[in-house]
């Protein structure tokens, strides 16, 4: 039977104890990790993309995306504290609804994290080229700073060299070690929060701030139309990208000290802290210089990242538009006359966005690691470096894939594709929480979702709503990627699965010992 392989929860917990990554992270580091991912591309880069989709209604988009994230975070907090192991939604699904659905979730997460890291790398490149090199009087040619038009990039673009380089540098840092990476992340998060606080203060108190710039507030309406990806809900589907930080926190549960206490704090705390910044920064940017989208002949906003929008933005009348900027926050301050502060914001983004890339690649490699540990992917991928104690093989593979995607594709398209996988994984976590409440109601829960039979269904509804308001190309990418995953699963993984072979492995590669616990193999 296809749906009969459900990994025993006790075996998963035993595996976490015997074959685990080094536990080095506390609640403070987890919270910083969440903040490091949540506050990043959504503000420093995607503010322009969101404004192009929804105009001033971007503020409603943040509220919608935040509401979905809050209910999803509650589901994550319960299940991550109860199952404190690497693998996030993949592992949770394996212990509740079985191997087949767990595979689809893990496969979607592999896509989500890698493409998201690529998107942030492209966003970092915009600040590097505009603020850092521009401040030095260096004009990086288009063919070295943007992806080709054939892939939705810029006319004259060939390769985004800065994006490729930063992805490779972050990969090197992650190979060196988790604890070292977390310390660097803490410094970058502090820089980011200070910079955004300064931005909010300068824009909201500026003499050029005018409430009239919010009119019309919803130029494309609440719903821009199915598959268009515009309107407030369409923008929310894109801006959801910036909230994946709390999911990355849950993937670090196996490397966390006292995970039953620290994981819920890291998940909920980072999300609550960050949501305030999203709305305040959006209000400051739009109220200061305006944020109306560039419309097509049908009266709808042009697709973000499209060649037509790139052509329109090259025209003199749109030279100063928020929606056309590759470094929107620095651009806003420069337009207000705060050139020095604008450069400082650009420098902060230049320094801080690598922390987002770091967290995303970190999360992706841990999904890869645990799927390999279960036999669904080649086991040599879960090899741990003898000196650095990190899964160096999957980290290097992931980093190379991220670098290649960042070199050729624009940020908006990458973010929307990543969101498709994110929303699917979040929906499956909500389902897993409800299944466990029915199947294993007596198991100790260090954090319980209040009103789970309301919160979990709301999570599912919210994820489905946002998914169907992504651009059609992004919606279609997920099932296309899923078909490839099914070929891998039925061609390799189902045969090699430890659970399918009747073995639940409890093993520590570092310790060099192996204990195989036989169980009754399920029928094919």
Protein backbone atom coordinates (compact mmCIF):
# COMPACT_ATOMS: atom_id res chain seq x y z
CA UNK A 1 0.00 0.00 0.00
CA UNK A 2 1.19 3.51 -0.83
CA UNK A 3 0.21 5.19 2.45
CA UNK A 4 1.11 2.46 4.95
CA UNK A 5 4.63 3.54 5.90
CA UNK A 6 4.41 5.67 9.02
CA UNK A 7 7.64 5.96 10.98
CA UNK A 8 7.16 5.24 14.71
CA UNK A 9 7.43 8.50 16.62
CA UNK A 10 9.40 6.84 19.41
CA UNK A 11 11.96 5.63 16.86
CA UNK A 12 12.33 9.15 15.45
CA UNK A 13 13.00 10.52 18.91
CA UNK A 14 15.46 7.69 19.63
CA UNK A 15 17.28 8.45 16.38
CA UNK A 16 17.58 12.08 17.41
CA UNK A 17 19.26 11.01 20.64
CA UNK A 18 21.67 8.46 19.14
CA UNK A 19 22.45 9.90 15.71
CA UNK A 20 22.36 13.60 16.17
CA UNK A 21 24.12 16.76 15.16
CA UNK A 22 25.98 18.66 17.86
CA UNK A 23 23.62 20.59 20.19
CA UNK A 24 25.01 24.13 20.41
CA UNK A 25 22.05 26.52 20.01
CA UNK A 26 20.01 28.18 22.79
CA UNK A 27 16.72 30.12 22.68
CA UNK A 28 18.50 33.43 22.12
CA UNK A 29 20.44 32.09 19.13
CA UNK A 30 17.27 30.51 17.74
CA UNK A 31 15.36 33.78 18.05
CA UNK A 32 18.19 35.63 16.32
CA UNK A 33 18.21 32.96 13.64
CA UNK A 34 14.50 33.56 13.04
CA UNK A 35 14.94 37.34 13.01
CA UNK A 36 17.91 36.93 10.69
CA UNK A 37 15.72 35.22 8.13
CA UNK A 38 12.39 36.99 8.65
CA UNK A 39 13.79 40.53 8.56
CA UNK A 40 15.71 40.59 5.35
CA UNK A 41 14.71 40.24 1.73
CA UNK A 42 11.06 41.08 2.38
CA UNK A 43 12.04 44.55 3.57
CA UNK A 44 15.38 45.32 1.97
CA UNK A 45 14.51 43.96 -1.49
CA UNK A 46 10.92 42.78 -1.93
CA UNK A 47 9.38 46.06 -0.74
CA UNK A 48 9.65 47.26 -4.34
CA UNK A 49 8.19 44.02 -5.71
CA UNK A 50 5.29 44.14 -3.23
CA UNK A 51 4.55 47.78 -4.07
CA UNK A 52 4.42 46.90 -7.76
CA UNK A 53 1.84 44.22 -7.04
CA UNK A 54 -0.38 46.08 -4.53
CA UNK A 55 0.68 49.73 -4.32
CA UNK A 56 0.03 51.18 -0.84
CA UNK A 57 -2.07 48.07 -0.20
CA UNK A 58 1.28 46.44 0.54
CA UNK A 59 0.51 47.17 4.19
CA UNK A 60 -2.60 44.97 3.98
CA UNK A 61 -0.48 42.35 2.20
CA UNK A 62 1.89 42.25 5.15
CA UNK A 63 -1.05 41.90 7.52
CA UNK A 64 -2.53 39.01 5.51
CA UNK A 65 0.79 37.18 5.22
CA UNK A 66 1.49 37.82 8.89
CA UNK A 67 -1.90 36.43 9.94
CA UNK A 68 -1.27 33.19 8.05
CA UNK A 69 2.20 32.97 9.55
CA UNK A 70 0.93 33.45 13.10
CA UNK A 71 -1.43 30.48 12.92
CA UNK A 72 1.20 28.41 11.10
CA UNK A 73 3.80 29.33 13.74
CA UNK A 74 1.54 28.06 16.50
CA UNK A 75 1.26 24.69 14.72
CA UNK A 76 5.02 24.61 14.25
CA UNK A 77 5.62 25.47 17.90
CA UNK A 78 3.58 22.51 19.17
CA UNK A 79 4.98 19.90 16.85
CA UNK A 80 8.59 21.13 16.81
CA UNK A 81 8.77 21.06 20.61
CA UNK A 82 7.20 17.60 20.70
CA UNK A 83 9.43 16.21 17.91
CA UNK A 84 12.73 18.09 18.43
CA UNK A 85 14.64 16.59 15.53
CA UNK A 86 16.10 17.80 12.26
CA UNK A 87 13.84 17.67 9.24
CA UNK A 88 11.07 20.14 10.07
CA UNK A 89 7.79 19.47 8.22
CA UNK A 90 9.34 16.42 6.54
CA UNK A 91 9.93 14.62 9.84
CA UNK A 92 6.59 15.69 11.27
CA UNK A 93 4.79 14.26 8.23
CA UNK A 94 6.78 11.01 8.42
CA UNK A 95 5.57 10.43 11.99
CA UNK A 96 1.92 11.22 11.24
CA UNK A 97 0.70 10.76 7.66
CA UNK A 98 3.45 8.51 6.35
CA UNK A 99 6.51 8.25 4.14
CA UNK A 100 4.91 9.12 0.80
CA UNK A 101 3.57 12.49 1.94
CA UNK A 102 6.74 13.06 3.98
CA UNK A 103 8.74 12.62 0.80
CA UNK A 104 6.61 15.19 -1.07
CA UNK A 105 7.07 17.65 1.79
CA UNK A 106 10.83 17.10 2.00
CA UNK A 107 11.16 17.41 -1.76
CA UNK A 108 9.20 20.70 -1.68
CA UNK A 109 11.37 22.00 1.18
CA UNK A 110 14.55 21.23 -0.75
CA UNK A 111 13.21 23.45 -3.55
CA UNK A 112 11.93 26.12 -1.15
CA UNK A 113 15.11 26.75 0.78
CA UNK A 114 17.50 26.56 -2.17
CA UNK A 115 15.48 28.91 -4.38
CA UNK A 116 14.84 31.28 -1.48
CA UNK A 117 18.57 31.50 -0.79
CA UNK A 118 19.10 32.28 -4.47
CA UNK A 119 16.52 35.06 -4.31
CA UNK A 120 18.22 36.69 -1.33
CA UNK A 121 21.59 36.42 -3.07
CA UNK A 122 20.15 38.37 -6.00
CA UNK A 123 18.73 40.97 -3.60
CA UNK A 124 22.12 41.35 -1.93
CA UNK A 125 23.70 41.87 -5.32
CA UNK A 126 21.48 44.92 -5.93
CA UNK A 127 22.73 46.64 -2.79
CA UNK A 128 26.31 45.64 -3.44
CA UNK A 129 26.27 47.02 -6.98
CA UNK A 130 24.23 50.15 -6.15
CA UNK A 131 25.46 51.27 -2.73
CA UNK A 132 28.88 49.72 -2.23
CA UNK A 133 30.35 49.80 -5.73
CA UNK A 134 28.34 52.91 -6.66
CA UNK A 135 29.68 54.70 -3.58
CA UNK A 136 33.19 53.89 -4.75
CA UNK A 137 32.46 55.27 -8.21
CA UNK A 138 32.50 51.79 -9.77
CA UNK A 139 29.78 51.00 -12.28
CA UNK A 140 29.53 47.23 -12.63
CA UNK A 141 28.45 46.50 -16.22
CA UNK A 142 24.98 45.05 -16.71
CA UNK A 143 26.31 41.84 -18.20
CA UNK A 144 28.10 41.11 -14.89
CA UNK A 145 25.34 42.25 -12.49
CA UNK A 146 22.07 40.81 -13.85
CA UNK A 147 20.62 37.60 -15.22
CA UNK A 148 19.82 37.35 -18.94
CA UNK A 149 16.50 38.58 -20.36
CA UNK A 150 15.73 35.04 -21.54
CA UNK A 151 15.30 34.00 -17.89
CA UNK A 152 13.25 37.07 -16.95
CA UNK A 153 16.31 39.17 -16.18
CA UNK A 154 17.57 42.46 -17.60
CA UNK A 155 18.29 43.28 -21.22
CA UNK A 156 22.03 43.04 -21.70
CA UNK A 157 22.44 40.87 -18.63
CA UNK A 158 24.56 37.73 -18.80
CA UNK A 159 25.40 36.64 -15.25
CA UNK A 160 24.85 38.08 -11.76
CA UNK A 161 28.41 37.65 -10.55
CA UNK A 162 27.99 39.25 -7.07
CA UNK A 163 25.03 36.97 -6.31
CA UNK A 164 27.00 33.90 -7.31
CA UNK A 165 30.00 34.89 -5.19
CA UNK A 166 28.05 35.64 -1.99
CA UNK A 167 26.22 32.30 -2.19
CA UNK A 168 29.55 30.47 -2.40
CA UNK A 169 31.04 32.46 0.51
CA UNK A 170 28.09 31.69 2.80
CA UNK A 171 28.33 28.02 1.86
CA UNK A 172 31.97 28.01 2.97
CA UNK A 173 30.99 29.55 6.32
CA UNK A 174 28.35 26.85 6.90
CA UNK A 175 30.83 24.10 6.16
CA UNK A 176 33.09 25.49 8.90
CA UNK A 177 30.45 25.04 11.58
CA UNK A 178 26.97 25.80 12.94
CA UNK A 179 28.07 27.53 16.13
CA UNK A 180 30.46 29.81 14.29
CA UNK A 181 27.73 30.64 11.77
CA UNK A 182 25.26 31.53 14.54
CA UNK A 183 27.74 33.96 16.13
CA UNK A 184 28.24 35.79 12.84
CA UNK A 185 24.47 35.83 12.35
CA UNK A 186 23.92 37.50 15.74
CA UNK A 187 26.15 40.44 14.75
CA UNK A 188 24.44 40.83 11.38
CA UNK A 189 20.97 40.75 12.95
CA UNK A 190 21.92 43.61 15.27
CA UNK A 191 23.11 45.69 12.31
CA UNK A 192 19.88 44.98 10.45
CA UNK A 193 17.56 45.93 13.31
CA UNK A 194 19.41 49.20 14.01
CA UNK A 195 19.30 50.15 10.32
CA UNK A 196 15.58 49.49 10.01
CA UNK A 197 14.82 51.37 13.20
CA UNK A 198 16.66 54.39 11.77
CA UNK A 199 14.75 54.05 8.48
CA UNK A 200 11.39 54.06 10.26
CA UNK A 201 12.30 57.11 12.34
CA UNK A 202 13.55 59.12 9.35
CA UNK A 203 10.67 58.33 7.00
CA UNK A 204 7.72 58.60 9.38
CA UNK A 205 8.94 61.96 10.71
CA UNK A 206 10.00 63.37 7.33
CA UNK A 207 8.41 66.60 6.12
CA UNK A 208 7.74 64.85 2.80
CA UNK A 209 5.59 62.15 4.43
CA UNK A 210 2.08 62.69 3.08
CA UNK A 211 -1.03 60.58 3.63
CA UNK A 212 -2.18 61.49 0.09
CA UNK A 213 0.54 59.22 -1.26
CA UNK A 214 -1.51 56.26 -0.03
CA UNK A 215 -4.31 57.16 -2.48
CA UNK A 216 -5.46 55.05 -4.27
CA UNK A 217 -4.76 52.57 -1.52
CA UNK A 218 -5.67 49.45 -3.51
CA UNK A 219 -5.01 50.23 -7.20
CA UNK A 220 -5.38 46.54 -8.14
CA UNK A 221 -7.98 45.69 -5.49
CA UNK A 222 -7.82 42.97 -2.88
CA UNK A 223 -7.77 40.17 -5.49
CA UNK A 224 -6.03 41.05 -8.74
CA UNK A 225 -7.29 37.92 -10.47
CA UNK A 226 -6.40 34.22 -10.41
CA UNK A 227 -2.86 33.54 -11.57
CA UNK A 228 -1.94 37.22 -11.92
CA UNK A 229 -0.12 37.51 -8.60
CA UNK A 230 -1.25 41.13 -8.11
CA UNK A 231 -3.57 42.87 -5.68
CA UNK A 232 -3.24 42.81 -1.90
CA UNK A 233 -3.59 39.03 -1.66
CA UNK A 234 -1.24 38.49 -4.59
CA UNK A 235 1.33 40.71 -2.89
CA UNK A 236 0.75 38.80 0.35
CA UNK A 237 1.57 35.57 -1.49
CA UNK A 238 4.90 37.10 -2.51
CA UNK A 239 5.68 38.80 0.80
CA UNK A 240 5.04 35.48 2.58
CA UNK A 241 8.55 34.68 1.36
CA UNK A 242 9.98 36.93 4.05
CA UNK A 243 8.37 34.94 6.88
CA UNK A 244 10.11 31.62 6.34
CA UNK A 245 12.54 32.32 9.18
CA UNK A 246 10.50 30.54 11.81
CA UNK A 247 10.44 27.41 9.66
CA UNK A 248 14.22 27.45 9.50
CA UNK A 249 14.28 27.68 13.29
CA UNK A 250 12.32 24.42 13.55
CA UNK A 251 14.86 22.65 11.31
CA UNK A 252 17.50 23.45 13.93
CA UNK A 253 15.64 21.62 16.70
CA UNK A 254 18.11 18.75 16.66
CA UNK A 255 21.01 21.13 17.24
CA UNK A 256 19.26 22.97 20.09
CA UNK A 257 19.88 22.68 23.81
CA UNK A 258 16.63 22.04 25.71
CA UNK A 259 14.52 22.09 22.51
CA UNK A 260 11.22 21.56 24.33
CA UNK A 261 11.60 25.03 25.83
CA UNK A 262 13.76 26.87 23.33
CA UNK A 263 12.11 25.98 20.01
CA UNK A 264 8.68 27.53 20.81
CA UNK A 265 10.39 30.66 22.12
CA UNK A 266 12.48 30.97 18.97
CA UNK A 267 9.53 30.35 16.65
CA UNK A 268 6.91 32.65 18.13
CA UNK A 269 9.29 35.27 19.49
CA UNK A 270 11.07 35.94 16.21
CA UNK A 271 7.80 36.16 14.29
CA UNK A 272 6.18 38.63 16.69
CA UNK A 273 9.29 40.78 16.84
CA UNK A 274 9.62 41.00 13.06
CA UNK A 275 6.01 41.64 12.02
CA UNK A 276 6.09 45.16 13.48
CA UNK A 277 9.01 46.11 11.25
CA UNK A 278 7.28 44.94 8.09
CA UNK A 279 4.32 47.26 8.50
CA UNK A 280 6.26 50.27 9.81
CA UNK A 281 8.91 50.16 7.09
CA UNK A 282 6.29 49.75 4.34
CA UNK A 283 4.32 52.71 5.71
CA UNK A 284 7.44 54.85 5.89
CA UNK A 285 8.59 54.05 2.36
CA UNK A 286 5.23 54.61 0.68
CA UNK A 287 4.26 57.66 2.73
CA UNK A 288 7.60 59.32 2.00
CA UNK A 289 7.96 58.92 -1.79
CA UNK A 290 4.83 57.04 -2.91
CA UNK A 291 4.47 53.47 -4.07
CA UNK A 292 1.97 53.32 -6.93
CA UNK A 293 2.56 50.45 -9.39
CA UNK A 294 3.22 50.81 -13.12
CA UNK A 295 0.08 49.61 -14.90
CA UNK A 296 -0.48 47.78 -18.19
CA UNK A 297 -3.09 48.56 -20.85
CA UNK A 298 -5.69 46.51 -18.95
CA UNK A 299 -5.28 48.61 -15.82
CA UNK A 300 -3.41 45.93 -13.87
CA UNK A 301 0.12 46.22 -12.46
CA UNK A 302 2.83 44.88 -14.75
CA UNK A 303 4.30 41.59 -13.55
CA UNK A 304 7.18 42.14 -11.16
CA UNK A 305 10.44 41.01 -12.72
CA UNK A 306 8.99 40.98 -16.23
CA UNK A 307 10.90 42.30 -19.27
CA UNK A 308 8.11 44.84 -19.89
CA UNK A 309 8.45 46.29 -16.39
CA UNK A 310 12.22 46.49 -16.89
CA UNK A 311 11.65 48.46 -20.10
CA UNK A 312 9.19 50.82 -18.42
CA UNK A 313 11.55 51.40 -15.50
CA UNK A 314 14.27 52.43 -17.95
CA UNK A 315 12.12 55.41 -19.02
CA UNK A 316 12.96 58.81 -17.44
CA UNK A 317 9.52 59.29 -15.84
CA UNK A 318 10.00 56.18 -13.70
CA UNK A 319 13.66 56.69 -12.82
CA UNK A 320 12.82 57.61 -9.23
CA UNK A 321 9.90 55.21 -8.70
CA UNK A 322 10.04 52.95 -5.66
CA UNK A 323 8.84 49.97 -7.71
CA UNK A 324 11.82 50.28 -10.06
CA UNK A 325 14.57 50.29 -7.46
CA UNK A 326 16.91 47.36 -6.83
CA UNK A 327 17.79 48.85 -3.43
CA UNK A 328 14.40 50.31 -2.36
CA UNK A 329 15.14 51.38 1.22
CA UNK A 330 18.39 53.12 0.38
CA UNK A 331 16.60 54.68 -2.60
CA UNK A 332 13.82 56.10 -0.37
CA UNK A 333 16.26 57.84 1.96
CA UNK A 334 18.29 59.25 -0.91
CA UNK A 335 15.10 60.66 -2.44
CA UNK A 336 14.36 62.38 0.89
CA UNK A 337 17.79 63.99 0.88
CA UNK A 338 19.30 61.66 3.46
CA UNK A 339 22.04 60.44 1.14
CA UNK A 340 24.37 59.51 3.97
CA UNK A 341 21.68 57.54 5.79
CA UNK A 342 20.66 55.97 2.47
CA UNK A 343 24.18 54.74 1.93
CA UNK A 344 24.23 53.47 5.52
CA UNK A 345 21.01 51.50 4.93
CA UNK A 346 22.50 50.09 1.74
CA UNK A 347 25.65 49.14 3.62
CA UNK A 348 23.56 47.51 6.37
CA UNK A 349 21.72 45.44 3.75
CA UNK A 350 25.05 44.56 2.17
CA UNK A 351 26.31 43.31 5.55
CA UNK A 352 23.08 41.76 6.83
CA UNK A 353 21.47 39.94 3.90
CA UNK A 354 24.13 37.21 3.97
CA UNK A 355 22.63 36.18 7.34
CA UNK A 356 19.38 35.38 5.50
CA UNK A 357 21.23 33.32 2.92
CA UNK A 358 23.02 31.55 5.76
CA UNK A 359 19.81 30.56 7.55
CA UNK A 360 18.12 29.38 4.35
CA UNK A 361 21.02 27.19 3.22
CA UNK A 362 21.31 25.94 6.80
CA UNK A 363 17.66 24.85 6.73
CA UNK A 364 17.91 23.21 3.32
CA UNK A 365 20.97 21.16 4.19
CA UNK A 366 19.30 19.86 7.35
CA UNK A 367 16.30 18.65 5.33
CA UNK A 368 18.69 16.94 2.93
CA UNK A 369 20.61 15.47 5.87
CA UNK A 370 17.65 13.83 7.57
CA UNK A 371 16.16 12.47 4.30
CA UNK A 372 19.53 10.87 3.58
CA UNK A 373 19.62 9.49 7.12
CA UNK A 374 16.28 7.79 6.46
CA UNK A 375 17.62 6.15 3.30
CA UNK A 376 15.38 8.14 0.95
CA UNK A 377 18.45 9.83 -0.54
CA UNK A 378 21.95 8.32 -0.85
CA UNK A 379 23.34 7.84 2.66
CA UNK A 380 26.73 9.30 1.82
CA UNK A 381 24.98 12.68 1.64
CA UNK A 382 24.52 12.57 5.44
CA UNK A 383 28.25 12.19 6.01
CA UNK A 384 29.46 14.51 8.78
CA UNK A 385 32.81 16.29 8.50
CA UNK A 386 35.26 14.78 11.04
CA UNK A 387 36.63 18.18 12.08
CA UNK A 388 33.76 20.66 11.69
CA UNK A 389 30.93 18.26 12.65
CA UNK A 390 28.70 19.59 9.85
CA UNK A 391 27.00 17.78 6.94
CA UNK A 392 29.55 19.16 4.50
CA UNK A 393 28.57 17.09 1.44
CA UNK A 394 24.99 18.34 1.25
CA UNK A 395 26.08 21.86 2.20
CA UNK A 396 28.47 22.05 -0.75
CA UNK A 397 25.91 20.58 -3.18
CA UNK A 398 23.25 23.01 -1.99
CA UNK A 399 25.58 26.00 -2.15
CA UNK A 400 26.54 25.27 -5.74
CA UNK A 401 22.87 24.96 -6.79
CA UNK A 402 21.98 28.20 -5.01
CA UNK A 403 24.87 30.04 -6.65
CA UNK A 404 23.90 28.92 -10.15
CA UNK A 405 20.23 29.93 -9.75
CA UNK A 406 21.24 33.30 -8.27
CA UNK A 407 23.51 33.97 -11.21
CA UNK A 408 20.74 33.81 -13.81
CA UNK A 409 17.25 34.55 -12.38
CA UNK A 410 15.58 37.73 -10.97
CA UNK A 411 14.57 38.06 -7.33
CA UNK A 412 10.78 38.32 -7.84
CA UNK A 413 10.45 35.10 -9.82
CA UNK A 414 12.66 33.17 -7.42
CA UNK A 415 10.67 34.37 -4.39
CA UNK A 416 7.30 33.35 -5.86
CA UNK A 417 8.56 29.87 -6.81
CA UNK A 418 10.01 29.39 -3.34
CA UNK A 419 6.71 30.38 -1.75
CA UNK A 420 4.86 27.58 -3.52
CA UNK A 421 6.96 24.99 -1.68
CA UNK A 422 6.74 26.91 1.59
CA UNK A 423 2.95 27.07 1.58
CA UNK A 424 2.65 23.35 0.84
CA UNK A 425 4.97 22.47 3.73
CA UNK A 426 3.12 24.74 6.17
CA UNK A 427 -0.21 23.20 5.20
CA UNK A 428 1.14 19.70 5.86
CA UNK A 429 2.38 20.74 9.31
CA UNK A 430 -1.14 21.89 10.22
CA UNK A 431 -2.49 18.53 9.07
CA UNK A 432 0.20 16.70 11.08
CA UNK A 433 -0.75 18.57 14.27
CA UNK A 434 -4.38 17.48 13.95
CA UNK A 435 -3.46 13.89 13.11
CA UNK A 436 -1.21 13.64 16.17
CA UNK A 437 -3.95 15.05 18.41
CA UNK A 438 -6.16 12.14 17.27
CA UNK A 439 -3.56 9.34 17.03
CA UNK A 440 -1.46 10.16 20.07
CA UNK A 441 -3.48 12.42 22.40
CA UNK A 442 -1.71 11.31 25.59
CA UNK A 443 1.83 12.18 24.48
CA UNK A 444 3.38 15.01 26.44
CA UNK A 445 3.19 18.34 24.64
CA UNK A 446 5.45 21.10 25.93
CA UNK A 447 3.45 23.63 23.94
CA UNK A 448 -0.17 23.12 22.87
CA UNK A 449 -1.92 25.13 20.19
CA UNK A 450 -4.92 26.87 21.79
CA UNK A 451 -8.07 26.02 19.85
CA UNK A 452 -6.21 23.67 17.54
CA UNK A 453 -9.38 22.68 15.66
CA UNK A 454 -9.76 26.31 14.64
CA UNK A 455 -6.12 27.34 14.28
CA UNK A 456 -4.96 24.36 12.18
CA UNK A 457 -7.83 24.60 9.63
CA UNK A 458 -7.23 28.36 9.39
CA UNK A 459 -3.59 27.60 8.56
CA UNK A 460 -4.65 25.25 5.77
CA UNK A 461 -7.17 27.74 4.37
CA UNK A 462 -4.63 30.58 4.51
CA UNK A 463 -1.94 28.56 2.72
CA UNK A 464 -4.33 27.47 -0.04
CA UNK A 465 -5.56 31.06 -0.49
CA UNK A 466 -2.06 32.45 -0.87
CA UNK A 467 -0.95 29.61 -3.16
CA UNK A 468 -3.73 30.31 -5.65
CA UNK A 469 -2.81 33.98 -5.69
CA UNK A 470 0.76 33.35 -6.81
CA UNK A 471 1.62 34.01 -10.47
CA UNK A 472 0.60 31.04 -12.62
CA UNK A 473 4.22 30.18 -13.48
CA UNK A 474 5.07 29.83 -9.79
CA UNK A 475 1.98 27.72 -9.14
CA UNK A 476 2.89 25.36 -11.98
CA UNK A 477 6.51 25.02 -10.89
CA UNK A 478 5.60 23.12 -7.71
CA UNK A 479 3.67 20.27 -9.41
CA UNK A 480 6.39 20.10 -12.07
CA UNK A 481 9.03 19.75 -9.37
CA UNK A 482 6.74 17.27 -7.62
CA UNK A 483 6.56 15.02 -10.69
CA UNK A 484 10.35 14.89 -10.77
CA UNK A 485 10.29 14.02 -7.07
CA UNK A 486 7.86 11.17 -7.64
CA UNK A 487 10.19 9.72 -10.29
CA UNK A 488 13.04 9.80 -7.76
CA UNK A 489 10.85 8.33 -5.01
CA UNK A 490 9.50 5.38 -6.99
CA UNK A 491 12.74 4.87 -8.91
CA UNK A 492 15.09 4.94 -5.90
CA UNK A 493 13.84 6.14 -2.53
CA UNK A 494 10.95 3.75 -1.89
CA UNK A 495 13.25 0.79 -2.51
CA UNK A 496 16.09 2.13 -0.36
CA UNK A 497 13.97 3.45 2.50
CA UNK A 498 15.08 2.09 5.88
CA UNK A 499 11.48 1.96 7.04
CA UNK A 500 10.40 0.12 3.90
CA UNK A 501 13.14 -2.46 4.46
CA UNK A 502 11.84 -3.08 7.96
CA UNK A 503 14.64 -1.25 9.75
CA UNK A 504 14.50 1.82 11.91
CA UNK A 505 18.09 2.94 12.18
CA UNK A 506 19.38 4.50 15.37
CA UNK A 507 22.95 5.42 14.55
CA UNK A 508 25.53 8.10 15.15
CA UNK A 509 28.00 8.53 12.31
CA UNK A 510 30.32 10.58 14.46
CA UNK A 511 30.42 8.01 17.24
CA UNK A 512 30.86 5.29 14.66
CA UNK A 513 28.26 2.97 16.18
CA UNK A 514 25.17 1.52 14.61
CA UNK A 515 22.07 0.01 16.15
CA UNK A 516 19.39 -1.31 13.82
CA UNK A 517 15.99 -1.98 15.29
CA UNK A 518 13.94 -4.41 13.16
CA UNK A 519 10.24 -3.74 12.77
CA UNK A 520 7.58 -5.53 10.77
CA UNK A 521 8.04 -4.33 7.17
CA UNK A 522 4.87 -2.93 5.59
CA UNK A 523 3.44 -4.68 2.57
CA UNK A 524 4.27 -3.19 -0.81
